[in-house]
Amino acid sequence: MHGGEKACIPSLQSEIEEHSDIYKRLSERASSYVRHDPEQNGMRFCLGNFSVSLNDTAINGAAPDPVITRHFADVIVRRINAHAGGHTSVR
């Protein structure tokens, strides 16, 4: 992402403020959301030079599990850190 966290964090914070009915702040650099069109969980976070959006939707009308969403976010963080050589997290 152009500008890295300097651009990503204000964008994320603005989205949380504008859509406080959907987005929940996890940290300065991360948010989560639950939507019902269809049932889905998601996360957005800023990590180094990356802006990450993650969305999971369950099939056949089942509710997605936020633990699964968090698992995939952790996988993405590990991959970014392995690639960029950092030791950061969204927590």
C-alpha atoms as a PDB file:
ATOM      1  CA  MET A   1       0.000   0.000   0.000  1.00  0.00           C
ATOM      2  CA  HIS A   2       1.350   3.401  -0.913  1.00  0.00           C
ATOM      3  CA  GLY A   3       2.295   5.194   2.282  1.00  0.00           C
ATOM      4  CA  GLY A   4       2.271   2.072   4.458  1.00  0.00           C
ATOM      5  CA  GLU A   5       0.821   2.430   7.952  1.00  0.00           C
ATOM      6  CA  LYS A   6       0.962   6.238   7.714  1.00  0.00           C
ATOM      7  CA  ALA A   7      -1.839   6.053   5.125  1.00  0.00           C
ATOM      8  CA  CYS A   8      -3.522   2.858   6.315  1.00  0.00           C
ATOM      9  CA  ILE A   9      -4.140   3.724   9.975  1.00  0.00           C
ATOM     10  CA  PRO A  10      -6.056   6.992   9.352  1.00  0.00           C
ATOM     11  CA  SER A  11      -8.135   5.241   6.681  1.00  0.00           C
ATOM     12  CA  LEU A  12      -8.967   2.410   9.085  1.00  0.00           C
ATOM     13  CA  GLN A  13      -9.797   4.812  11.927  1.00  0.00           C
ATOM     14  CA  SER A  14     -12.071   6.814   9.634  1.00  0.00           C
ATOM     15  CA  GLU A  15     -13.921   3.678   8.573  1.00  0.00           C
ATOM     16  CA  ILE A  16     -14.435   2.656  12.216  1.00  0.00           C
ATOM     17  CA  GLU A  17     -15.847   6.098  13.051  1.00  0.00           C
ATOM     18  CA  GLU A  18     -18.111   6.251   9.989  1.00  0.00           C
ATOM     19  CA  HIS A  19     -19.481   2.726  10.428  1.00  0.00           C
ATOM     20  CA  SER A  20     -19.403   2.230  14.194  1.00  0.00           C
ATOM     21  CA  ASP A  21     -22.519   0.068  13.905  1.00  0.00           C
ATOM     22  CA  ILE A  22     -20.514  -2.516  11.930  1.00  0.00           C
ATOM     23  CA  TYR A  23     -16.825  -2.124  12.829  1.00  0.00           C
ATOM     24  CA  LYS A  24     -15.317  -2.884  16.229  1.00  0.00           C
ATOM     25  CA  ARG A  25     -11.871  -1.542  17.111  1.00  0.00           C
ATOM     26  CA  LEU A  26      -9.392  -4.292  17.995  1.00  0.00           C
ATOM     27  CA  SER A  27      -6.368  -2.015  18.230  1.00  0.00           C
ATOM     28  CA  GLU A  28      -5.045   1.182  16.658  1.00  0.00           C
ATOM     29  CA  ARG A  29      -4.181  -0.871  13.565  1.00  0.00           C
ATOM     30  CA  ALA A  30      -7.030  -3.406  13.425  1.00  0.00           C
ATOM     31  CA  SER A  31     -10.806  -3.734  13.322  1.00  0.00           C
ATOM     32  CA  SER A  32     -13.307  -6.529  12.988  1.00  0.00           C
ATOM     33  CA  TYR A  33     -16.847  -6.628  11.686  1.00  0.00           C
ATOM     34  CA  VAL A  34     -19.902  -8.841  11.452  1.00  0.00           C
ATOM     35  CA  ARG A  35     -22.365  -8.402   8.610  1.00  0.00           C
ATOM     36  CA  HIS A  36     -25.621 -10.126   7.804  1.00  0.00           C
ATOM     37  CA  ASP A  37     -25.855  -9.822   4.035  1.00  0.00           C
ATOM     38  CA  PRO A  38     -25.060 -12.824   4.020  1.00  0.00           C
ATOM     39  CA  GLU A  39     -23.659 -13.832   7.413  1.00  0.00           C
ATOM     40  CA  GLN A  40     -19.971 -12.957   7.408  1.00  0.00           C
ATOM     41  CA  ASN A  41     -17.071 -12.002   9.652  1.00  0.00           C
ATOM     42  CA  GLY A  42     -14.160  -9.884   8.635  1.00  0.00           C
ATOM     43  CA  MET A  43     -11.077  -8.038   9.739  1.00  0.00           C
ATOM     44  CA  ARG A  44      -9.122  -5.092   8.423  1.00  0.00           C
ATOM     45  CA  PHE A  45      -5.645  -4.312   9.627  1.00  0.00           C
ATOM     46  CA  CYS A  46      -2.509  -2.380   8.827  1.00  0.00           C
ATOM     47  CA  LEU A  47       0.821  -4.170   9.032  1.00  0.00           C
ATOM     48  CA  GLY A  48       4.029  -2.606   7.776  1.00  0.00           C
ATOM     49  CA  ASN A  49       3.461  -1.646   4.146  1.00  0.00           C
ATOM     50  CA  PHE A  50       0.293  -3.717   3.886  1.00  0.00           C
ATOM     51  CA  SER A  51      -3.389  -2.963   4.252  1.00  0.00           C
ATOM     52  CA  VAL A  52      -5.196  -6.275   4.710  1.00  0.00           C
ATOM     53  CA  SER A  53      -8.910  -7.019   4.370  1.00  0.00           C
ATOM     54  CA  LEU A  54     -10.135 -10.474   5.294  1.00  0.00           C
ATOM     55  CA  ASN A  55     -13.706 -11.691   4.923  1.00  0.00           C
ATOM     56  CA  ASP A  56     -15.153 -15.140   5.557  1.00  0.00           C
ATOM     57  CA  THR A  57     -18.677 -16.248   4.765  1.00  0.00           C
ATOM     58  CA  ALA A  58     -20.185 -19.531   5.890  1.00  0.00           C
ATOM     59  CA  ILE A  59     -22.091 -21.666   3.414  1.00  0.00           C
ATOM     60  CA  ASN A  60     -25.710 -22.781   3.468  1.00  0.00           C
ATOM     61  CA  GLY A  61     -26.823 -20.030   5.857  1.00  0.00           C
ATOM     62  CA  ALA A  62     -24.546 -21.107   8.720  1.00  0.00           C
ATOM     63  CA  ALA A  63     -22.951 -18.404  10.860  1.00  0.00           C
ATOM     64  CA  PRO A  64     -19.202 -18.010  10.256  1.00  0.00           C
ATOM     65  CA  ASP A  65     -16.952 -18.596  13.246  1.00  0.00           C
ATOM     66  CA  PRO A  66     -14.864 -15.573  14.362  1.00  0.00           C
ATOM     67  CA  VAL A  67     -12.174 -18.009  15.560  1.00  0.00           C
ATOM     68  CA  ILE A  68     -11.667 -19.080  11.939  1.00  0.00           C
ATOM     69  CA  THR A  69     -11.432 -15.442  10.822  1.00  0.00           C
ATOM     70  CA  ARG A  70      -8.791 -14.797  13.499  1.00  0.00           C
ATOM     71  CA  HIS A  71      -6.884 -17.926  12.450  1.00  0.00           C
ATOM     72  CA  PHE A  72      -6.602 -16.731   8.862  1.00  0.00           C
ATOM     73  CA  ALA A  73      -5.606 -13.234  10.015  1.00  0.00           C
ATOM     74  CA  ASP A  74      -2.804 -14.802  12.082  1.00  0.00           C
ATOM     75  CA  VAL A  75      -1.660 -16.803   9.033  1.00  0.00           C
ATOM     76  CA  ILE A  76      -1.537 -13.614   6.950  1.00  0.00           C
ATOM     77  CA  VAL A  77       0.437 -11.809   9.671  1.00  0.00           C
ATOM     78  CA  ARG A  78       2.970 -14.670   9.825  1.00  0.00           C
ATOM     79  CA  ARG A  79       3.342 -14.633   6.035  1.00  0.00           C
ATOM     80  CA  ILE A  80       3.850 -10.875   5.906  1.00  0.00           C
ATOM     81  CA  ASN A  81       6.391 -11.049   8.735  1.00  0.00           C
ATOM     82  CA  ALA A  82       8.248 -13.901   7.024  1.00  0.00           C
ATOM     83  CA  HIS A  83       8.362 -11.944   3.781  1.00  0.00           C
ATOM     84  CA  ALA A  84       9.211  -8.553   5.303  1.00  0.00           C
ATOM     85  CA  GLY A  85      11.387  -9.815   8.154  1.00  0.00           C
ATOM     86  CA  GLY A  86       9.305  -8.067  10.793  1.00  0.00           C
ATOM     87  CA  HIS A  87       7.991  -9.221  14.121  1.00  0.00           C
ATOM     88  CA  THR A  88       4.757  -7.305  14.376  1.00  0.00           C
ATOM     89  CA  SER A  89       1.187  -8.349  14.979  1.00  0.00           C
ATOM     90  CA  VAL A  90      -2.271  -6.783  14.831  1.00  0.00           C
ATOM     91  CA  ARG A  91      -2.933  -7.412  18.531  1.00  0.00           C
END
